[in-house]
Amino acid sequence: MSYAVRVVCPPEVAVGFALAGLPTSSAGTPAEGNQCVKALLGRSDVGVILLEDRLHAALSNDLRRELARRPLPIVVPFPGPSWAPRVEGPDSYILELLRQAIGYRVRLR
């Protein structure tokens, strides 16, 4: 069985993904982002959800627990457009995944 990739992001970012050929769901607010992710959870053909980082940070705790219990779809946050430099380094997401998987913080050299 093959699985599809879906993108959930604000409308101004969705245009770029649509031009690249990826199906998108526009979510201008965190509440709309939660609704879009919940709707995609109900589909058996979705394997990966690309979710803008601001919408990912605003996911409800219940939805986060639901996503953690399920093997699919895999939710991958991506950085949205920003004029300011990011405070977090690119390794912060990987470190958080490792912390969740093994139960304590790891330092990368």
N, C-alpha and C. Protein backbone atom coordinates (compact mmCIF):
# COMPACT_ATOMS: atom_id res chain seq x y z
N MET A 1 0.84 -1.18 0.00
CA MET A 1 0.00 0.00 0.00
C MET A 1 0.88 1.24 0.00
N SER A 2 0.50 2.23 -0.76
CA SER A 2 1.25 3.48 -0.78
C SER A 2 0.52 4.54 0.03
N TYR A 3 1.30 5.41 0.63
CA TYR A 3 0.76 6.47 1.47
C TYR A 3 1.08 7.82 0.86
N ALA A 4 0.21 8.78 1.13
CA ALA A 4 0.36 10.11 0.57
C ALA A 4 0.98 11.07 1.58
N VAL A 5 1.57 12.13 1.06
CA VAL A 5 2.09 13.24 1.86
C VAL A 5 1.10 14.38 1.75
N ARG A 6 0.75 14.97 2.88
CA ARG A 6 -0.14 16.13 2.92
C ARG A 6 0.55 17.25 3.68
N VAL A 7 0.27 18.49 3.31
CA VAL A 7 0.87 19.66 3.94
C VAL A 7 -0.22 20.47 4.61
N VAL A 8 0.01 20.86 5.88
CA VAL A 8 -0.89 21.74 6.60
C VAL A 8 -0.09 22.98 6.97
N CYS A 9 -0.51 24.14 6.43
CA CYS A 9 0.23 25.38 6.64
C CYS A 9 -0.69 26.57 6.37
N PRO A 10 -0.23 27.78 6.71
CA PRO A 10 -1.03 28.96 6.40
C PRO A 10 -1.21 29.14 4.89
N PRO A 11 -2.26 29.85 4.48
CA PRO A 11 -2.55 30.00 3.05
C PRO A 11 -1.41 30.59 2.23
N GLU A 12 -0.67 31.53 2.81
CA GLU A 12 0.42 32.16 2.03
C GLU A 12 1.57 31.19 1.78
N VAL A 13 1.72 30.18 2.59
CA VAL A 13 2.76 29.16 2.39
C VAL A 13 2.22 28.02 1.52
N ALA A 14 0.93 27.77 1.63
CA ALA A 14 0.31 26.67 0.89
C ALA A 14 0.45 26.84 -0.62
N VAL A 15 0.48 28.06 -1.08
CA VAL A 15 0.61 28.32 -2.51
C VAL A 15 1.89 27.72 -3.07
N GLY A 16 2.99 27.88 -2.34
CA GLY A 16 4.27 27.34 -2.80
C GLY A 16 4.26 25.82 -2.86
N PHE A 17 3.69 25.18 -1.83
CA PHE A 17 3.61 23.72 -1.84
C PHE A 17 2.69 23.23 -2.95
N ALA A 18 1.60 23.95 -3.19
CA ALA A 18 0.69 23.56 -4.27
C ALA A 18 1.38 23.67 -5.63
N LEU A 19 2.19 24.71 -5.81
CA LEU A 19 2.94 24.85 -7.06
C LEU A 19 3.95 23.71 -7.23
N ALA A 20 4.44 23.17 -6.11
CA ALA A 20 5.37 22.05 -6.17
C ALA A 20 4.65 20.72 -6.36
N GLY A 21 3.32 20.75 -6.35
CA GLY A 21 2.55 19.54 -6.61
C GLY A 21 2.09 18.77 -5.38
N LEU A 22 2.29 19.34 -4.20
CA LEU A 22 1.85 18.66 -2.98
C LEU A 22 0.46 19.12 -2.58
N PRO A 23 -0.42 18.21 -2.22
CA PRO A 23 -1.75 18.60 -1.75
C PRO A 23 -1.64 19.31 -0.40
N THR A 24 -2.32 20.44 -0.28
CA THR A 24 -2.22 21.24 0.94
C THR A 24 -3.58 21.45 1.58
N SER A 25 -3.54 21.70 2.89
CA SER A 25 -4.71 22.15 3.64
C SER A 25 -4.31 23.47 4.27
N SER A 26 -5.06 24.51 3.99
CA SER A 26 -4.75 25.84 4.52
C SER A 26 -5.31 25.97 5.92
N ALA A 27 -4.46 26.47 6.84
CA ALA A 27 -4.86 26.69 8.22
C ALA A 27 -4.27 28.03 8.65
N GLY A 28 -5.11 29.03 8.74
CA GLY A 28 -4.64 30.37 9.11
C GLY A 28 -4.48 30.56 10.61
N THR A 29 -5.16 29.73 11.40
CA THR A 29 -5.10 29.83 12.86
C THR A 29 -4.73 28.48 13.45
N PRO A 30 -4.26 28.47 14.71
CA PRO A 30 -3.97 27.17 15.35
C PRO A 30 -5.19 26.26 15.45
N ALA A 31 -6.37 26.83 15.67
CA ALA A 31 -7.59 26.01 15.74
C ALA A 31 -7.86 25.33 14.40
N GLU A 32 -7.66 26.04 13.31
CA GLU A 32 -7.83 25.45 11.98
C GLU A 32 -6.77 24.37 11.74
N GLY A 33 -5.56 24.59 12.24
CA GLY A 33 -4.50 23.58 12.11
C GLY A 33 -4.87 22.29 12.83
N ASN A 34 -5.42 22.42 14.05
CA ASN A 34 -5.88 21.24 14.79
C ASN A 34 -6.96 20.51 14.01
N GLN A 35 -7.90 21.25 13.44
CA GLN A 35 -8.99 20.64 12.68
C GLN A 35 -8.46 19.90 11.45
N CYS A 36 -7.52 20.52 10.75
CA CYS A 36 -6.96 19.89 9.55
C CYS A 36 -6.23 18.60 9.90
N VAL A 37 -5.44 18.61 10.97
CA VAL A 37 -4.71 17.41 11.37
C VAL A 37 -5.68 16.31 11.79
N LYS A 38 -6.72 16.68 12.55
CA LYS A 38 -7.73 15.69 12.95
C LYS A 38 -8.41 15.07 11.73
N ALA A 39 -8.72 15.90 10.73
CA ALA A 39 -9.36 15.39 9.52
C ALA A 39 -8.43 14.43 8.78
N LEU A 40 -7.13 14.73 8.74
CA LEU A 40 -6.18 13.86 8.06
C LEU A 40 -5.95 12.56 8.82
N LEU A 41 -6.13 12.58 10.15
CA LEU A 41 -6.00 11.35 10.93
C LEU A 41 -7.06 10.33 10.54
N GLY A 42 -8.20 10.80 10.09
CA GLY A 42 -9.27 9.91 9.70
C GLY A 42 -9.09 9.26 8.34
N ARG A 43 -8.06 9.64 7.62
CA ARG A 43 -7.83 9.09 6.29
C ARG A 43 -6.77 8.00 6.35
N SER A 44 -7.06 6.87 5.75
CA SER A 44 -6.12 5.74 5.79
C SER A 44 -5.02 5.84 4.75
N ASP A 45 -5.13 6.78 3.81
CA ASP A 45 -4.13 6.89 2.76
C ASP A 45 -3.02 7.89 3.06
N VAL A 46 -3.10 8.58 4.20
CA VAL A 46 -2.11 9.60 4.55
C VAL A 46 -1.02 8.98 5.42
N GLY A 47 0.24 9.08 4.98
CA GLY A 47 1.36 8.53 5.72
C GLY A 47 2.22 9.58 6.39
N VAL A 48 2.29 10.77 5.79
CA VAL A 48 3.12 11.85 6.32
C VAL A 48 2.33 13.15 6.26
N ILE A 49 2.35 13.89 7.37
CA ILE A 49 1.76 15.23 7.41
C ILE A 49 2.89 16.21 7.67
N LEU A 50 3.14 17.08 6.71
CA LEU A 50 4.10 18.17 6.91
C LEU A 50 3.32 19.32 7.53
N LEU A 51 3.74 19.77 8.71
CA LEU A 51 3.00 20.76 9.49
C LEU A 51 3.92 21.91 9.84
N GLU A 52 3.49 23.12 9.52
CA GLU A 52 4.32 24.29 9.83
C GLU A 52 4.58 24.35 11.34
N ASP A 53 5.78 24.75 11.73
CA ASP A 53 6.18 24.67 13.13
C ASP A 53 5.30 25.46 14.09
N ARG A 54 4.78 26.61 13.67
CA ARG A 54 3.90 27.37 14.57
C ARG A 54 2.59 26.64 14.80
N LEU A 55 2.08 25.97 13.79
CA LEU A 55 0.86 25.17 13.97
C LEU A 55 1.16 23.92 14.79
N HIS A 56 2.35 23.35 14.60
CA HIS A 56 2.75 22.18 15.37
C HIS A 56 2.86 22.53 16.86
N ALA A 57 3.44 23.67 17.17
CA ALA A 57 3.58 24.09 18.57
C ALA A 57 2.23 24.33 19.23
N ALA A 58 1.21 24.66 18.44
CA ALA A 58 -0.11 24.98 18.98
C ALA A 58 -1.06 23.77 19.00
N LEU A 59 -0.58 22.57 18.66
CA LEU A 59 -1.45 21.40 18.70
C LEU A 59 -1.93 21.16 20.13
N SER A 60 -3.17 20.74 20.26
CA SER A 60 -3.71 20.46 21.59
C SER A 60 -3.03 19.22 22.18
N ASN A 61 -3.01 19.15 23.50
CA ASN A 61 -2.39 18.01 24.17
C ASN A 61 -3.07 16.70 23.81
N ASP A 62 -4.40 16.73 23.69
CA ASP A 62 -5.12 15.51 23.31
C ASP A 62 -4.68 15.01 21.94
N LEU A 63 -4.55 15.96 21.01
CA LEU A 63 -4.14 15.59 19.66
C LEU A 63 -2.70 15.08 19.64
N ARG A 64 -1.83 15.68 20.44
CA ARG A 64 -0.44 15.21 20.54
C ARG A 64 -0.38 13.77 21.06
N ARG A 65 -1.19 13.48 22.07
CA ARG A 65 -1.23 12.11 22.60
C ARG A 65 -1.75 11.13 21.55
N GLU A 66 -2.77 11.54 20.81
CA GLU A 66 -3.31 10.69 19.74
C GLU A 66 -2.24 10.41 18.69
N LEU A 67 -1.49 11.44 18.30
CA LEU A 67 -0.44 11.26 17.29
C LEU A 67 0.68 10.37 17.82
N ALA A 68 0.98 10.46 19.11
CA ALA A 68 2.05 9.65 19.70
C ALA A 68 1.68 8.18 19.76
N ARG A 69 0.39 7.88 19.86
CA ARG A 69 -0.06 6.49 19.94
C ARG A 69 -0.13 5.81 18.58
N ARG A 70 -0.17 6.57 17.52
CA ARG A 70 -0.38 6.00 16.19
C ARG A 70 0.93 5.91 15.40
N PRO A 71 1.11 4.81 14.67
CA PRO A 71 2.32 4.73 13.84
C PRO A 71 2.24 5.62 12.60
N LEU A 72 1.05 5.80 12.08
CA LEU A 72 0.83 6.67 10.91
C LEU A 72 -0.39 7.54 11.15
N PRO A 73 -0.39 8.70 10.68
CA PRO A 73 0.63 9.39 9.89
C PRO A 73 1.74 9.95 10.78
N ILE A 74 2.90 10.08 10.18
CA ILE A 74 4.03 10.71 10.85
C ILE A 74 3.90 12.21 10.63
N VAL A 75 3.97 12.98 11.70
CA VAL A 75 3.86 14.43 11.61
C VAL A 75 5.26 15.02 11.68
N VAL A 76 5.62 15.79 10.65
CA VAL A 76 6.94 16.39 10.55
C VAL A 76 6.78 17.90 10.51
N PRO A 77 7.22 18.60 11.57
CA PRO A 77 7.14 20.06 11.52
C PRO A 77 8.23 20.63 10.62
N PHE A 78 7.91 21.71 9.95
CA PHE A 78 8.91 22.39 9.12
C PHE A 78 8.85 23.88 9.46
N PRO A 79 9.97 24.57 9.35
CA PRO A 79 9.99 25.99 9.70
C PRO A 79 9.24 26.83 8.66
N GLY A 80 8.40 27.71 9.17
CA GLY A 80 7.69 28.63 8.30
C GLY A 80 8.57 29.82 7.95
N PRO A 81 8.11 30.66 7.04
CA PRO A 81 8.91 31.82 6.65
C PRO A 81 9.06 32.79 7.82
N SER A 82 10.26 33.34 7.96
CA SER A 82 10.53 34.28 9.03
C SER A 82 11.67 35.20 8.61
N TRP A 83 11.55 36.47 8.97
CA TRP A 83 12.61 37.42 8.67
C TRP A 83 13.66 37.42 9.77
N ALA A 84 13.28 37.01 10.96
CA ALA A 84 14.21 36.99 12.09
C ALA A 84 14.95 35.66 12.13
N PRO A 85 16.21 35.68 12.55
CA PRO A 85 16.93 34.41 12.67
C PRO A 85 16.33 33.56 13.78
N ARG A 86 16.36 32.26 13.61
CA ARG A 86 15.80 31.33 14.58
C ARG A 86 16.73 31.20 15.78
N VAL A 87 16.13 31.18 16.96
CA VAL A 87 16.91 31.00 18.18
C VAL A 87 17.35 29.55 18.31
N GLU A 88 16.46 28.62 17.97
CA GLU A 88 16.77 27.20 18.07
C GLU A 88 17.66 26.78 16.91
N GLY A 89 18.55 25.87 17.19
CA GLY A 89 19.38 25.32 16.14
C GLY A 89 18.64 24.24 15.38
N PRO A 90 19.18 23.78 14.27
CA PRO A 90 18.50 22.73 13.48
C PRO A 90 18.43 21.39 14.20
N ASP A 91 19.27 21.20 15.22
CA ASP A 91 19.28 19.92 15.94
C ASP A 91 18.22 19.84 17.03
N SER A 92 17.55 20.94 17.34
CA SER A 92 16.62 20.94 18.48
C SER A 92 15.47 19.96 18.30
N TYR A 93 14.97 19.82 17.08
CA TYR A 93 13.86 18.88 16.84
C TYR A 93 14.33 17.44 17.05
N ILE A 94 15.50 17.12 16.55
CA ILE A 94 16.04 15.77 16.70
C ILE A 94 16.29 15.46 18.17
N LEU A 95 16.83 16.43 18.92
CA LEU A 95 17.07 16.24 20.34
C LEU A 95 15.77 16.01 21.10
N GLU A 96 14.72 16.71 20.74
CA GLU A 96 13.42 16.52 21.40
C GLU A 96 12.86 15.14 21.09
N LEU A 97 13.00 14.66 19.87
CA LEU A 97 12.56 13.30 19.54
C LEU A 97 13.32 12.26 20.34
N LEU A 98 14.63 12.44 20.47
CA LEU A 98 15.43 11.51 21.27
C LEU A 98 15.01 11.55 22.73
N ARG A 99 14.73 12.74 23.27
CA ARG A 99 14.30 12.85 24.65
C ARG A 99 13.01 12.09 24.88
N GLN A 100 12.08 12.22 23.94
CA GLN A 100 10.80 11.53 24.07
C GLN A 100 10.98 10.02 23.95
N ALA A 101 11.89 9.59 23.08
CA ALA A 101 12.06 8.15 22.84
C ALA A 101 12.78 7.45 23.98
N ILE A 102 13.83 8.06 24.53
CA ILE A 102 14.61 7.37 25.54
C ILE A 102 14.38 7.89 26.95
N GLY A 103 13.71 9.01 27.10
CA GLY A 103 13.32 9.48 28.43
C GLY A 103 14.25 10.48 29.09
N TYR A 104 15.34 10.85 28.46
CA TYR A 104 16.19 11.90 29.05
C TYR A 104 16.90 12.67 27.94
N ARG A 105 17.42 13.81 28.31
CA ARG A 105 18.05 14.69 27.32
C ARG A 105 19.42 14.19 26.92
N VAL A 106 19.76 14.40 25.67
CA VAL A 106 21.03 13.99 25.10
C VAL A 106 21.71 15.23 24.57
N ARG A 107 23.04 15.28 24.71
CA ARG A 107 23.79 16.39 24.13
C ARG A 107 24.51 15.91 22.87
N LEU A 108 24.39 16.67 21.80
CA LEU A 108 25.13 16.37 20.59
C LEU A 108 26.40 17.18 20.56
N ARG A 109 27.46 16.61 20.06
CA ARG A 109 28.72 17.35 20.00
C ARG A 109 28.91 17.94 18.66
